[in-house]
């Protein structure tokens, strides 16, 4: 129901077709809010799966005219991390960069994904050994401006800086979290 103000206040009923359109617009708005909220927590290169899971979750917020099948994890990965995004990298590291970003997305987007965090950490070390780092050529770059680049082009990179640093989670911490979760 809409109220239109004029010299006299009267009630105007919207056409029935508007109700469907408003419902669709509200669902799109909720999906956008979910995406903005999820990407606000993540780094630009790490938020892909989180955003994909937010889209998937937002589809449950309203009634649908046809039942939708839930996308599999592999389908979400293909949507969020298309191979075309990695064409600018040399062939030798494309798959490593993509795998690192997928694991980092799982780490940030899925609760209790501690093993994914460790896998992302190990992949980042492998990329570093091959001369590729997560950084920026700009001295004061924000996380959103960072990307994978040659370590030699990153002014903040120091060789061996991460040497001796353990993965984010120990096996004992992972086992404890798994016990608490079950």
Foldseek 3Di string as FASTA:
>chain_A
DDWDDDVDIDDDDDDPVVVVVVQVVVLVVQLVVLLVVQVVVDFQLQAQLQNLVSNQVSVVVDDDPDDDDRDDPVVSLCVRQPLVVQPVDDPVCSVLQSLLSSLSNCVSRPPLSLVSQQVNVVSQVVVVVVQKHWADLDPPDDSNRTDIDGLVSHPPDDPCPCPPPHGPDDPVRSVVVVVVVD
